[in-house]
Amino acid sequence: PGGSLSLSCTVSGTRFRLTAMSWY
């Protein structure tokens, strides 16, 4: 508790524009 973490998310394989990127 009180600490930090970092998440990352990379998308590949799509030619279409990304309208949003979300974390759930």
PDBML (XML) file of the C-alpha atoms, coordinates in Angstrom:
<?xml version="1.0" encoding="UTF-8" ?>
<PDBx:datablock datablockName="MODEL"
   xmlns:PDBx="http://pdbml.pdb.org/schema/pdbx-v50.xsd"
   xmlns:xsi="http://www.w3.org/2001/XMLSchema-instance"
   xsi:schemaLocation="http://pdbml.pdb.org/schema/pdbx-v50.xsd pdbx-v50.xsd">
   <PDBx:atom_siteCategory>
      <PDBx:atom_site id="1">
         <PDBx:B_iso_or_equiv>0.00</PDBx:B_iso_or_equiv>
         <PDBx:Cartn_x>0.000</PDBx:Cartn_x>
         <PDBx:Cartn_y>0.000</PDBx:Cartn_y>
         <PDBx:Cartn_z>0.000</PDBx:Cartn_z>
         <PDBx:auth_asym_id>A</PDBx:auth_asym_id>
         <PDBx:auth_atom_id>CA</PDBx:auth_atom_id>
         <PDBx:auth_comp_id>PRO</PDBx:auth_comp_id>
         <PDBx:auth_seq_id>1</PDBx:auth_seq_id>
         <PDBx:group_PDB>ATOM</PDBx:group_PDB>
         <PDBx:label_alt_id xsi:nil="true" />
         <PDBx:label_asym_id>A</PDBx:label_asym_id>
         <PDBx:label_atom_id>CA</PDBx:label_atom_id>
         <PDBx:label_comp_id>PRO</PDBx:label_comp_id>
         <PDBx:label_entity_id>1</PDBx:label_entity_id>
         <PDBx:label_seq_id>1</PDBx:label_seq_id>
         <PDBx:occupancy>1.00</PDBx:occupancy>
         <PDBx:pdbx_PDB_model_num>1</PDBx:pdbx_PDB_model_num>
         <PDBx:type_symbol>C</PDBx:type_symbol>
      </PDBx:atom_site>
      <PDBx:atom_site id="2">
         <PDBx:B_iso_or_equiv>0.00</PDBx:B_iso_or_equiv>
         <PDBx:Cartn_x>1.229</PDBx:Cartn_x>
         <PDBx:Cartn_y>3.432</PDBx:Cartn_y>
         <PDBx:Cartn_z>-0.988</PDBx:Cartn_z>
         <PDBx:auth_asym_id>A</PDBx:auth_asym_id>
         <PDBx:auth_atom_id>CA</PDBx:auth_atom_id>
         <PDBx:auth_comp_id>GLY</PDBx:auth_comp_id>
         <PDBx:auth_seq_id>2</PDBx:auth_seq_id>
         <PDBx:group_PDB>ATOM</PDBx:group_PDB>
         <PDBx:label_alt_id xsi:nil="true" />
         <PDBx:label_asym_id>A</PDBx:label_asym_id>
         <PDBx:label_atom_id>CA</PDBx:label_atom_id>
         <PDBx:label_comp_id>GLY</PDBx:label_comp_id>
         <PDBx:label_entity_id>1</PDBx:label_entity_id>
         <PDBx:label_seq_id>2</PDBx:label_seq_id>
         <PDBx:occupancy>1.00</PDBx:occupancy>
         <PDBx:pdbx_PDB_model_num>1</PDBx:pdbx_PDB_model_num>
         <PDBx:type_symbol>C</PDBx:type_symbol>
      </PDBx:atom_site>
      <PDBx:atom_site id="3">
         <PDBx:B_iso_or_equiv>0.00</PDBx:B_iso_or_equiv>
         <PDBx:Cartn_x>3.431</PDBx:Cartn_x>
         <PDBx:Cartn_y>2.009</PDBx:Cartn_y>
         <PDBx:Cartn_z>-3.700</PDBx:Cartn_z>
         <PDBx:auth_asym_id>A</PDBx:auth_asym_id>
         <PDBx:auth_atom_id>CA</PDBx:auth_atom_id>
         <PDBx:auth_comp_id>GLY</PDBx:auth_comp_id>
         <PDBx:auth_seq_id>3</PDBx:auth_seq_id>
         <PDBx:group_PDB>ATOM</PDBx:group_PDB>
         <PDBx:label_alt_id xsi:nil="true" />
         <PDBx:label_asym_id>A</PDBx:label_asym_id>
         <PDBx:label_atom_id>CA</PDBx:label_atom_id>
         <PDBx:label_comp_id>GLY</PDBx:label_comp_id>
         <PDBx:label_entity_id>1</PDBx:label_entity_id>
         <PDBx:label_seq_id>3</PDBx:label_seq_id>
         <PDBx:occupancy>1.00</PDBx:occupancy>
         <PDBx:pdbx_PDB_model_num>1</PDBx:pdbx_PDB_model_num>
         <PDBx:type_symbol>C</PDBx:type_symbol>
      </PDBx:atom_site>
      <PDBx:atom_site id="4">
         <PDBx:B_iso_or_equiv>0.00</PDBx:B_iso_or_equiv>
         <PDBx:Cartn_x>3.378</PDBx:Cartn_x>
         <PDBx:Cartn_y>2.495</PDBx:Cartn_y>
         <PDBx:Cartn_z>-7.447</PDBx:Cartn_z>
         <PDBx:auth_asym_id>A</PDBx:auth_asym_id>
         <PDBx:auth_atom_id>CA</PDBx:auth_atom_id>
         <PDBx:auth_comp_id>SER</PDBx:auth_comp_id>
         <PDBx:auth_seq_id>4</PDBx:auth_seq_id>
         <PDBx:group_PDB>ATOM</PDBx:group_PDB>
         <PDBx:label_alt_id xsi:nil="true" />
         <PDBx:label_asym_id>A</PDBx:label_asym_id>
         <PDBx:label_atom_id>CA</PDBx:label_atom_id>
         <PDBx:label_comp_id>SER</PDBx:label_comp_id>
         <PDBx:label_entity_id>1</PDBx:label_entity_id>
         <PDBx:label_seq_id>4</PDBx:label_seq_id>
         <PDBx:occupancy>1.00</PDBx:occupancy>
         <PDBx:pdbx_PDB_model_num>1</PDBx:pdbx_PDB_model_num>
         <PDBx:type_symbol>C</PDBx:type_symbol>
      </PDBx:atom_site>
      <PDBx:atom_site id="5">
         <PDBx:B_iso_or_equiv>0.00</PDBx:B_iso_or_equiv>
         <PDBx:Cartn_x>3.003</PDBx:Cartn_x>
         <PDBx:Cartn_y>0.343</PDBx:Cartn_y>
         <PDBx:Cartn_z>-10.537</PDBx:Cartn_z>
         <PDBx:auth_asym_id>A</PDBx:auth_asym_id>
         <PDBx:auth_atom_id>CA</PDBx:auth_atom_id>
         <PDBx:auth_comp_id>LEU</PDBx:auth_comp_id>
         <PDBx:auth_seq_id>5</PDBx:auth_seq_id>
         <PDBx:group_PDB>ATOM</PDBx:group_PDB>
         <PDBx:label_alt_id xsi:nil="true" />
         <PDBx:label_asym_id>A</PDBx:label_asym_id>
         <PDBx:label_atom_id>CA</PDBx:label_atom_id>
         <PDBx:label_comp_id>LEU</PDBx:label_comp_id>
         <PDBx:label_entity_id>1</PDBx:label_entity_id>
         <PDBx:label_seq_id>5</PDBx:label_seq_id>
         <PDBx:occupancy>1.00</PDBx:occupancy>
         <PDBx:pdbx_PDB_model_num>1</PDBx:pdbx_PDB_model_num>
         <PDBx:type_symbol>C</PDBx:type_symbol>
      </PDBx:atom_site>
      <PDBx:atom_site id="6">
         <PDBx:B_iso_or_equiv>0.00</PDBx:B_iso_or_equiv>
         <PDBx:Cartn_x>2.895</PDBx:Cartn_x>
         <PDBx:Cartn_y>1.060</PDBx:Cartn_y>
         <PDBx:Cartn_z>-14.225</PDBx:Cartn_z>
         <PDBx:auth_asym_id>A</PDBx:auth_asym_id>
         <PDBx:auth_atom_id>CA</PDBx:auth_atom_id>
         <PDBx:auth_comp_id>SER</PDBx:auth_comp_id>
         <PDBx:auth_seq_id>6</PDBx:auth_seq_id>
         <PDBx:group_PDB>ATOM</PDBx:group_PDB>
         <PDBx:label_alt_id xsi:nil="true" />
         <PDBx:label_asym_id>A</PDBx:label_asym_id>
         <PDBx:label_atom_id>CA</PDBx:label_atom_id>
         <PDBx:label_comp_id>SER</PDBx:label_comp_id>
         <PDBx:label_entity_id>1</PDBx:label_entity_id>
         <PDBx:label_seq_id>6</PDBx:label_seq_id>
         <PDBx:occupancy>1.00</PDBx:occupancy>
         <PDBx:pdbx_PDB_model_num>1</PDBx:pdbx_PDB_model_num>
         <PDBx:type_symbol>C</PDBx:type_symbol>
      </PDBx:atom_site>
      <PDBx:atom_site id="7">
         <PDBx:B_iso_or_equiv>0.00</PDBx:B_iso_or_equiv>
         <PDBx:Cartn_x>0.860</PDBx:Cartn_x>
         <PDBx:Cartn_y>-0.805</PDBx:Cartn_y>
         <PDBx:Cartn_z>-16.814</PDBx:Cartn_z>
         <PDBx:auth_asym_id>A</PDBx:auth_asym_id>
         <PDBx:auth_atom_id>CA</PDBx:auth_atom_id>
         <PDBx:auth_comp_id>LEU</PDBx:auth_comp_id>
         <PDBx:auth_seq_id>7</PDBx:auth_seq_id>
         <PDBx:group_PDB>ATOM</PDBx:group_PDB>
         <PDBx:label_alt_id xsi:nil="true" />
         <PDBx:label_asym_id>A</PDBx:label_asym_id>
         <PDBx:label_atom_id>CA</PDBx:label_atom_id>
         <PDBx:label_comp_id>LEU</PDBx:label_comp_id>
         <PDBx:label_entity_id>1</PDBx:label_entity_id>
         <PDBx:label_seq_id>7</PDBx:label_seq_id>
         <PDBx:occupancy>1.00</PDBx:occupancy>
         <PDBx:pdbx_PDB_model_num>1</PDBx:pdbx_PDB_model_num>
         <PDBx:type_symbol>C</PDBx:type_symbol>
      </PDBx:atom_site>
      <PDBx:atom_site id="8">
         <PDBx:B_iso_or_equiv>0.00</PDBx:B_iso_or_equiv>
         <PDBx:Cartn_x>1.279</PDBx:Cartn_x>
         <PDBx:Cartn_y>-0.612</PDBx:Cartn_y>
         <PDBx:Cartn_z>-20.543</PDBx:Cartn_z>
         <PDBx:auth_asym_id>A</PDBx:auth_asym_id>
         <PDBx:auth_atom_id>CA</PDBx:auth_atom_id>
         <PDBx:auth_comp_id>SER</PDBx:auth_comp_id>
         <PDBx:auth_seq_id>8</PDBx:auth_seq_id>
         <PDBx:group_PDB>ATOM</PDBx:group_PDB>
         <PDBx:label_alt_id xsi:nil="true" />
         <PDBx:label_asym_id>A</PDBx:label_asym_id>
         <PDBx:label_atom_id>CA</PDBx:label_atom_id>
         <PDBx:label_comp_id>SER</PDBx:label_comp_id>
         <PDBx:label_entity_id>1</PDBx:label_entity_id>
         <PDBx:label_seq_id>8</PDBx:label_seq_id>
         <PDBx:occupancy>1.00</PDBx:occupancy>
         <PDBx:pdbx_PDB_model_num>1</PDBx:pdbx_PDB_model_num>
         <PDBx:type_symbol>C</PDBx:type_symbol>
      </PDBx:atom_site>
      <PDBx:atom_site id="9">
         <PDBx:B_iso_or_equiv>0.00</PDBx:B_iso_or_equiv>
         <PDBx:Cartn_x>-0.880</PDBx:Cartn_x>
         <PDBx:Cartn_y>-1.809</PDBx:Cartn_y>
         <PDBx:Cartn_z>-23.410</PDBx:Cartn_z>
         <PDBx:auth_asym_id>A</PDBx:auth_asym_id>
         <PDBx:auth_atom_id>CA</PDBx:auth_atom_id>
         <PDBx:auth_comp_id>CYS</PDBx:auth_comp_id>
         <PDBx:auth_seq_id>9</PDBx:auth_seq_id>
         <PDBx:group_PDB>ATOM</PDBx:group_PDB>
         <PDBx:label_alt_id xsi:nil="true" />
         <PDBx:label_asym_id>A</PDBx:label_asym_id>
         <PDBx:label_atom_id>CA</PDBx:label_atom_id>
         <PDBx:label_comp_id>CYS</PDBx:label_comp_id>
         <PDBx:label_entity_id>1</PDBx:label_entity_id>
         <PDBx:label_seq_id>9</PDBx:label_seq_id>
         <PDBx:occupancy>1.00</PDBx:occupancy>
         <PDBx:pdbx_PDB_model_num>1</PDBx:pdbx_PDB_model_num>
         <PDBx:type_symbol>C</PDBx:type_symbol>
      </PDBx:atom_site>
      <PDBx:atom_site id="10">
         <PDBx:B_iso_or_equiv>0.00</PDBx:B_iso_or_equiv>
         <PDBx:Cartn_x>0.223</PDBx:Cartn_x>
         <PDBx:Cartn_y>-2.091</PDBx:Cartn_y>
         <PDBx:Cartn_z>-27.016</PDBx:Cartn_z>
         <PDBx:auth_asym_id>A</PDBx:auth_asym_id>
         <PDBx:auth_atom_id>CA</PDBx:auth_atom_id>
         <PDBx:auth_comp_id>THR</PDBx:auth_comp_id>
         <PDBx:auth_seq_id>10</PDBx:auth_seq_id>
         <PDBx:group_PDB>ATOM</PDBx:group_PDB>
         <PDBx:label_alt_id xsi:nil="true" />
         <PDBx:label_asym_id>A</PDBx:label_asym_id>
         <PDBx:label_atom_id>CA</PDBx:label_atom_id>
         <PDBx:label_comp_id>THR</PDBx:label_comp_id>
         <PDBx:label_entity_id>1</PDBx:label_entity_id>
         <PDBx:label_seq_id>10</PDBx:label_seq_id>
         <PDBx:occupancy>1.00</PDBx:occupancy>
         <PDBx:pdbx_PDB_model_num>1</PDBx:pdbx_PDB_model_num>
         <PDBx:type_symbol>C</PDBx:type_symbol>
      </PDBx:atom_site>
      <PDBx:atom_site id="11">
         <PDBx:B_iso_or_equiv>0.00</PDBx:B_iso_or_equiv>
         <PDBx:Cartn_x>-2.037</PDBx:Cartn_x>
         <PDBx:Cartn_y>-2.856</PDBx:Cartn_y>
         <PDBx:Cartn_z>-29.951</PDBx:Cartn_z>
         <PDBx:auth_asym_id>A</PDBx:auth_asym_id>
         <PDBx:auth_atom_id>CA</PDBx:auth_atom_id>
         <PDBx:auth_comp_id>VAL</PDBx:auth_comp_id>
         <PDBx:auth_seq_id>11</PDBx:auth_seq_id>
         <PDBx:group_PDB>ATOM</PDBx:group_PDB>
         <PDBx:label_alt_id xsi:nil="true" />
         <PDBx:label_asym_id>A</PDBx:label_asym_id>
         <PDBx:label_atom_id>CA</PDBx:label_atom_id>
         <PDBx:label_comp_id>VAL</PDBx:label_comp_id>
         <PDBx:label_entity_id>1</PDBx:label_entity_id>
         <PDBx:label_seq_id>11</PDBx:label_seq_id>
         <PDBx:occupancy>1.00</PDBx:occupancy>
         <PDBx:pdbx_PDB_model_num>1</PDBx:pdbx_PDB_model_num>
         <PDBx:type_symbol>C</PDBx:type_symbol>
      </PDBx:atom_site>
      <PDBx:atom_site id="12">
         <PDBx:B_iso_or_equiv>0.00</PDBx:B_iso_or_equiv>
         <PDBx:Cartn_x>-0.911</PDBx:Cartn_x>
         <PDBx:Cartn_y>-4.300</PDBx:Cartn_y>
         <PDBx:Cartn_z>-33.262</PDBx:Cartn_z>
         <PDBx:auth_asym_id>A</PDBx:auth_asym_id>
         <PDBx:auth_atom_id>CA</PDBx:auth_atom_id>
         <PDBx:auth_comp_id>SER</PDBx:auth_comp_id>
         <PDBx:auth_seq_id>12</PDBx:auth_seq_id>
         <PDBx:group_PDB>ATOM</PDBx:group_PDB>
         <PDBx:label_alt_id xsi:nil="true" />
         <PDBx:label_asym_id>A</PDBx:label_asym_id>
         <PDBx:label_atom_id>CA</PDBx:label_atom_id>
         <PDBx:label_comp_id>SER</PDBx:label_comp_id>
         <PDBx:label_entity_id>1</PDBx:label_entity_id>
         <PDBx:label_seq_id>12</PDBx:label_seq_id>
         <PDBx:occupancy>1.00</PDBx:occupancy>
         <PDBx:pdbx_PDB_model_num>1</PDBx:pdbx_PDB_model_num>
         <PDBx:type_symbol>C</PDBx:type_symbol>
      </PDBx:atom_site>
      <PDBx:atom_site id="13">
         <PDBx:B_iso_or_equiv>0.00</PDBx:B_iso_or_equiv>
         <PDBx:Cartn_x>-2.467</PDBx:Cartn_x>
         <PDBx:Cartn_y>-5.771</PDBx:Cartn_y>
         <PDBx:Cartn_z>-36.357</PDBx:Cartn_z>
         <PDBx:auth_asym_id>A</PDBx:auth_asym_id>
         <PDBx:auth_atom_id>CA</PDBx:auth_atom_id>
         <PDBx:auth_comp_id>GLY</PDBx:auth_comp_id>
         <PDBx:auth_seq_id>13</PDBx:auth_seq_id>
         <PDBx:group_PDB>ATOM</PDBx:group_PDB>
         <PDBx:label_alt_id xsi:nil="true" />
         <PDBx:label_asym_id>A</PDBx:label_asym_id>
         <PDBx:label_atom_id>CA</PDBx:label_atom_id>
         <PDBx:label_comp_id>GLY</PDBx:label_comp_id>
         <PDBx:label_entity_id>1</PDBx:label_entity_id>
         <PDBx:label_seq_id>13</PDBx:label_seq_id>
         <PDBx:occupancy>1.00</PDBx:occupancy>
         <PDBx:pdbx_PDB_model_num>1</PDBx:pdbx_PDB_model_num>
         <PDBx:type_symbol>C</PDBx:type_symbol>
      </PDBx:atom_site>
      <PDBx:atom_site id="14">
         <PDBx:B_iso_or_equiv>0.00</PDBx:B_iso_or_equiv>
         <PDBx:Cartn_x>-5.101</PDBx:Cartn_x>
         <PDBx:Cartn_y>-3.132</PDBx:Cartn_y>
         <PDBx:Cartn_z>-36.996</PDBx:Cartn_z>
         <PDBx:auth_asym_id>A</PDBx:auth_asym_id>
         <PDBx:auth_atom_id>CA</PDBx:auth_atom_id>
         <PDBx:auth_comp_id>THR</PDBx:auth_comp_id>
         <PDBx:auth_seq_id>14</PDBx:auth_seq_id>
         <PDBx:group_PDB>ATOM</PDBx:group_PDB>
         <PDBx:label_alt_id xsi:nil="true" />
         <PDBx:label_asym_id>A</PDBx:label_asym_id>
         <PDBx:label_atom_id>CA</PDBx:label_atom_id>
         <PDBx:label_comp_id>THR</PDBx:label_comp_id>
         <PDBx:label_entity_id>1</PDBx:label_entity_id>
         <PDBx:label_seq_id>14</PDBx:label_seq_id>
         <PDBx:occupancy>1.00</PDBx:occupancy>
         <PDBx:pdbx_PDB_model_num>1</PDBx:pdbx_PDB_model_num>
         <PDBx:type_symbol>C</PDBx:type_symbol>
      </PDBx:atom_site>
      <PDBx:atom_site id="15">
         <PDBx:B_iso_or_equiv>0.00</PDBx:B_iso_or_equiv>
         <PDBx:Cartn_x>-5.170</PDBx:Cartn_x>
         <PDBx:Cartn_y>-0.718</PDBx:Cartn_y>
         <PDBx:Cartn_z>-39.898</PDBx:Cartn_z>
         <PDBx:auth_asym_id>A</PDBx:auth_asym_id>
         <PDBx:auth_atom_id>CA</PDBx:auth_atom_id>
         <PDBx:auth_comp_id>ARG</PDBx:auth_comp_id>
         <PDBx:auth_seq_id>15</PDBx:auth_seq_id>
         <PDBx:group_PDB>ATOM</PDBx:group_PDB>
         <PDBx:label_alt_id xsi:nil="true" />
         <PDBx:label_asym_id>A</PDBx:label_asym_id>
         <PDBx:label_atom_id>CA</PDBx:label_atom_id>
         <PDBx:label_comp_id>ARG</PDBx:label_comp_id>
         <PDBx:label_entity_id>1</PDBx:label_entity_id>
         <PDBx:label_seq_id>15</PDBx:label_seq_id>
         <PDBx:occupancy>1.00</PDBx:occupancy>
         <PDBx:pdbx_PDB_model_num>1</PDBx:pdbx_PDB_model_num>
         <PDBx:type_symbol>C</PDBx:type_symbol>
      </PDBx:atom_site>
      <PDBx:atom_site id="16">
         <PDBx:B_iso_or_equiv>0.00</PDBx:B_iso_or_equiv>
         <PDBx:Cartn_x>-8.084</PDBx:Cartn_x>
         <PDBx:Cartn_y>1.194</PDBx:Cartn_y>
         <PDBx:Cartn_z>-38.493</PDBx:Cartn_z>
         <PDBx:auth_asym_id>A</PDBx:auth_asym_id>
         <PDBx:auth_atom_id>CA</PDBx:auth_atom_id>
         <PDBx:auth_comp_id>PHE</PDBx:auth_comp_id>
         <PDBx:auth_seq_id>16</PDBx:auth_seq_id>
         <PDBx:group_PDB>ATOM</PDBx:group_PDB>
         <PDBx:label_alt_id xsi:nil="true" />
         <PDBx:label_asym_id>A</PDBx:label_asym_id>
         <PDBx:label_atom_id>CA</PDBx:label_atom_id>
         <PDBx:label_comp_id>PHE</PDBx:label_comp_id>
         <PDBx:label_entity_id>1</PDBx:label_entity_id>
         <PDBx:label_seq_id>16</PDBx:label_seq_id>
         <PDBx:occupancy>1.00</PDBx:occupancy>
         <PDBx:pdbx_PDB_model_num>1</PDBx:pdbx_PDB_model_num>
         <PDBx:type_symbol>C</PDBx:type_symbol>
      </PDBx:atom_site>
      <PDBx:atom_site id="17">
         <PDBx:B_iso_or_equiv>0.00</PDBx:B_iso_or_equiv>
         <PDBx:Cartn_x>-7.949</PDBx:Cartn_x>
         <PDBx:Cartn_y>4.312</PDBx:Cartn_y>
         <PDBx:Cartn_z>-36.424</PDBx:Cartn_z>
         <PDBx:auth_asym_id>A</PDBx:auth_asym_id>
         <PDBx:auth_atom_id>CA</PDBx:auth_atom_id>
         <PDBx:auth_comp_id>ARG</PDBx:auth_comp_id>
         <PDBx:auth_seq_id>17</PDBx:auth_seq_id>
         <PDBx:group_PDB>ATOM</PDBx:group_PDB>
         <PDBx:label_alt_id xsi:nil="true" />
         <PDBx:label_asym_id>A</PDBx:label_asym_id>
         <PDBx:label_atom_id>CA</PDBx:label_atom_id>
         <PDBx:label_comp_id>ARG</PDBx:label_comp_id>
         <PDBx:label_entity_id>1</PDBx:label_entity_id>
         <PDBx:label_seq_id>17</PDBx:label_seq_id>
         <PDBx:occupancy>1.00</PDBx:occupancy>
         <PDBx:pdbx_PDB_model_num>1</PDBx:pdbx_PDB_model_num>
         <PDBx:type_symbol>C</PDBx:type_symbol>
      </PDBx:atom_site>
      <PDBx:atom_site id="18">
         <PDBx:B_iso_or_equiv>0.00</PDBx:B_iso_or_equiv>
         <PDBx:Cartn_x>-8.184</PDBx:Cartn_x>
         <PDBx:Cartn_y>3.807</PDBx:Cartn_y>
         <PDBx:Cartn_z>-32.692</PDBx:Cartn_z>
         <PDBx:auth_asym_id>A</PDBx:auth_asym_id>
         <PDBx:auth_atom_id>CA</PDBx:auth_atom_id>
         <PDBx:auth_comp_id>LEU</PDBx:auth_comp_id>
         <PDBx:auth_seq_id>18</PDBx:auth_seq_id>
         <PDBx:group_PDB>ATOM</PDBx:group_PDB>
         <PDBx:label_alt_id xsi:nil="true" />
         <PDBx:label_asym_id>A</PDBx:label_asym_id>
         <PDBx:label_atom_id>CA</PDBx:label_atom_id>
         <PDBx:label_comp_id>LEU</PDBx:label_comp_id>
         <PDBx:label_entity_id>1</PDBx:label_entity_id>
         <PDBx:label_seq_id>18</PDBx:label_seq_id>
         <PDBx:occupancy>1.00</PDBx:occupancy>
         <PDBx:pdbx_PDB_model_num>1</PDBx:pdbx_PDB_model_num>
         <PDBx:type_symbol>C</PDBx:type_symbol>
      </PDBx:atom_site>
      <PDBx:atom_site id="19">
         <PDBx:B_iso_or_equiv>0.00</PDBx:B_iso_or_equiv>
         <PDBx:Cartn_x>-11.085</PDBx:Cartn_x>
         <PDBx:Cartn_y>5.772</PDBx:Cartn_y>
         <PDBx:Cartn_z>-31.301</PDBx:Cartn_z>
         <PDBx:auth_asym_id>A</PDBx:auth_asym_id>
         <PDBx:auth_atom_id>CA</PDBx:auth_atom_id>
         <PDBx:auth_comp_id>THR</PDBx:auth_comp_id>
         <PDBx:auth_seq_id>19</PDBx:auth_seq_id>
         <PDBx:group_PDB>ATOM</PDBx:group_PDB>
         <PDBx:label_alt_id xsi:nil="true" />
         <PDBx:label_asym_id>A</PDBx:label_asym_id>
         <PDBx:label_atom_id>CA</PDBx:label_atom_id>
         <PDBx:label_comp_id>THR</PDBx:label_comp_id>
         <PDBx:label_entity_id>1</PDBx:label_entity_id>
         <PDBx:label_seq_id>19</PDBx:label_seq_id>
         <PDBx:occupancy>1.00</PDBx:occupancy>
         <PDBx:pdbx_PDB_model_num>1</PDBx:pdbx_PDB_model_num>
         <PDBx:type_symbol>C</PDBx:type_symbol>
      </PDBx:atom_site>
      <PDBx:atom_site id="20">
         <PDBx:B_iso_or_equiv>0.00</PDBx:B_iso_or_equiv>
         <PDBx:Cartn_x>-10.242</PDBx:Cartn_x>
         <PDBx:Cartn_y>5.136</PDBx:Cartn_y>
         <PDBx:Cartn_z>-27.652</PDBx:Cartn_z>
         <PDBx:auth_asym_id>A</PDBx:auth_asym_id>
         <PDBx:auth_atom_id>CA</PDBx:auth_atom_id>
         <PDBx:auth_comp_id>ALA</PDBx:auth_comp_id>
         <PDBx:auth_seq_id>20</PDBx:auth_seq_id>
         <PDBx:group_PDB>ATOM</PDBx:group_PDB>
         <PDBx:label_alt_id xsi:nil="true" />
         <PDBx:label_asym_id>A</PDBx:label_asym_id>
         <PDBx:label_atom_id>CA</PDBx:label_atom_id>
         <PDBx:label_comp_id>ALA</PDBx:label_comp_id>
         <PDBx:label_entity_id>1</PDBx:label_entity_id>
         <PDBx:label_seq_id>20</PDBx:label_seq_id>
         <PDBx:occupancy>1.00</PDBx:occupancy>
         <PDBx:pdbx_PDB_model_num>1</PDBx:pdbx_PDB_model_num>
         <PDBx:type_symbol>C</PDBx:type_symbol>
      </PDBx:atom_site>
      <PDBx:atom_site id="21">
         <PDBx:B_iso_or_equiv>0.00</PDBx:B_iso_or_equiv>
         <PDBx:Cartn_x>-7.893</PDBx:Cartn_x>
         <PDBx:Cartn_y>3.187</PDBx:Cartn_y>
         <PDBx:Cartn_z>-25.406</PDBx:Cartn_z>
         <PDBx:auth_asym_id>A</PDBx:auth_asym_id>
         <PDBx:auth_atom_id>CA</PDBx:auth_atom_id>
         <PDBx:auth_comp_id>MET</PDBx:auth_comp_id>
         <PDBx:auth_seq_id>21</PDBx:auth_seq_id>
         <PDBx:group_PDB>ATOM</PDBx:group_PDB>
         <PDBx:label_alt_id xsi:nil="true" />
         <PDBx:label_asym_id>A</PDBx:label_asym_id>
         <PDBx:label_atom_id>CA</PDBx:label_atom_id>
         <PDBx:label_comp_id>MET</PDBx:label_comp_id>
         <PDBx:label_entity_id>1</PDBx:label_entity_id>
         <PDBx:label_seq_id>21</PDBx:label_seq_id>
         <PDBx:occupancy>1.00</PDBx:occupancy>
         <PDBx:pdbx_PDB_model_num>1</PDBx:pdbx_PDB_model_num>
         <PDBx:type_symbol>C</PDBx:type_symbol>
      </PDBx:atom_site>
      <PDBx:atom_site id="22">
         <PDBx:B_iso_or_equiv>0.00</PDBx:B_iso_or_equiv>
         <PDBx:Cartn_x>-9.153</PDBx:Cartn_x>
         <PDBx:Cartn_y>2.201</PDBx:Cartn_y>
         <PDBx:Cartn_z>-21.985</PDBx:Cartn_z>
         <PDBx:auth_asym_id>A</PDBx:auth_asym_id>
         <PDBx:auth_atom_id>CA</PDBx:auth_atom_id>
         <PDBx:auth_comp_id>SER</PDBx:auth_comp_id>
         <PDBx:auth_seq_id>22</PDBx:auth_seq_id>
         <PDBx:group_PDB>ATOM</PDBx:group_PDB>
         <PDBx:label_alt_id xsi:nil="true" />
         <PDBx:label_asym_id>A</PDBx:label_asym_id>
         <PDBx:label_atom_id>CA</PDBx:label_atom_id>
         <PDBx:label_comp_id>SER</PDBx:label_comp_id>
         <PDBx:label_entity_id>1</PDBx:label_entity_id>
         <PDBx:label_seq_id>22</PDBx:label_seq_id>
         <PDBx:occupancy>1.00</PDBx:occupancy>
         <PDBx:pdbx_PDB_model_num>1</PDBx:pdbx_PDB_model_num>
         <PDBx:type_symbol>C</PDBx:type_symbol>
      </PDBx:atom_site>
      <PDBx:atom_site id="23">
         <PDBx:B_iso_or_equiv>0.00</PDBx:B_iso_or_equiv>
         <PDBx:Cartn_x>-8.216</PDBx:Cartn_x>
         <PDBx:Cartn_y>0.372</PDBx:Cartn_y>
         <PDBx:Cartn_z>-18.802</PDBx:Cartn_z>
         <PDBx:auth_asym_id>A</PDBx:auth_asym_id>
         <PDBx:auth_atom_id>CA</PDBx:auth_atom_id>
         <PDBx:auth_comp_id>TRP</PDBx:auth_comp_id>
         <PDBx:auth_seq_id>23</PDBx:auth_seq_id>
         <PDBx:group_PDB>ATOM</PDBx:group_PDB>
         <PDBx:label_alt_id xsi:nil="true" />
         <PDBx:label_asym_id>A</PDBx:label_asym_id>
         <PDBx:label_atom_id>CA</PDBx:label_atom_id>
         <PDBx:label_comp_id>TRP</PDBx:label_comp_id>
         <PDBx:label_entity_id>1</PDBx:label_entity_id>
         <PDBx:label_seq_id>23</PDBx:label_seq_id>
         <PDBx:occupancy>1.00</PDBx:occupancy>
         <PDBx:pdbx_PDB_model_num>1</PDBx:pdbx_PDB_model_num>
         <PDBx:type_symbol>C</PDBx:type_symbol>
      </PDBx:atom_site>
      <PDBx:atom_site id="24">
         <PDBx:B_iso_or_equiv>0.00</PDBx:B_iso_or_equiv>
         <PDBx:Cartn_x>-10.820</PDBx:Cartn_x>
         <PDBx:Cartn_y>-1.622</PDBx:Cartn_y>
         <PDBx:Cartn_z>-16.911</PDBx:Cartn_z>
         <PDBx:auth_asym_id>A</PDBx:auth_asym_id>
         <PDBx:auth_atom_id>CA</PDBx:auth_atom_id>
         <PDBx:auth_comp_id>TYR</PDBx:auth_comp_id>
         <PDBx:auth_seq_id>24</PDBx:auth_seq_id>
         <PDBx:group_PDB>ATOM</PDBx:group_PDB>
         <PDBx:label_alt_id xsi:nil="true" />
         <PDBx:label_asym_id>A</PDBx:label_asym_id>
         <PDBx:label_atom_id>CA</PDBx:label_atom_id>
         <PDBx:label_comp_id>TYR</PDBx:label_comp_id>
         <PDBx:label_entity_id>1</PDBx:label_entity_id>
         <PDBx:label_seq_id>24</PDBx:label_seq_id>
         <PDBx:occupancy>1.00</PDBx:occupancy>
         <PDBx:pdbx_PDB_model_num>1</PDBx:pdbx_PDB_model_num>
         <PDBx:type_symbol>C</PDBx:type_symbol>
      </PDBx:atom_site>
   </PDBx:atom_siteCategory>
</PDBx:datablock>
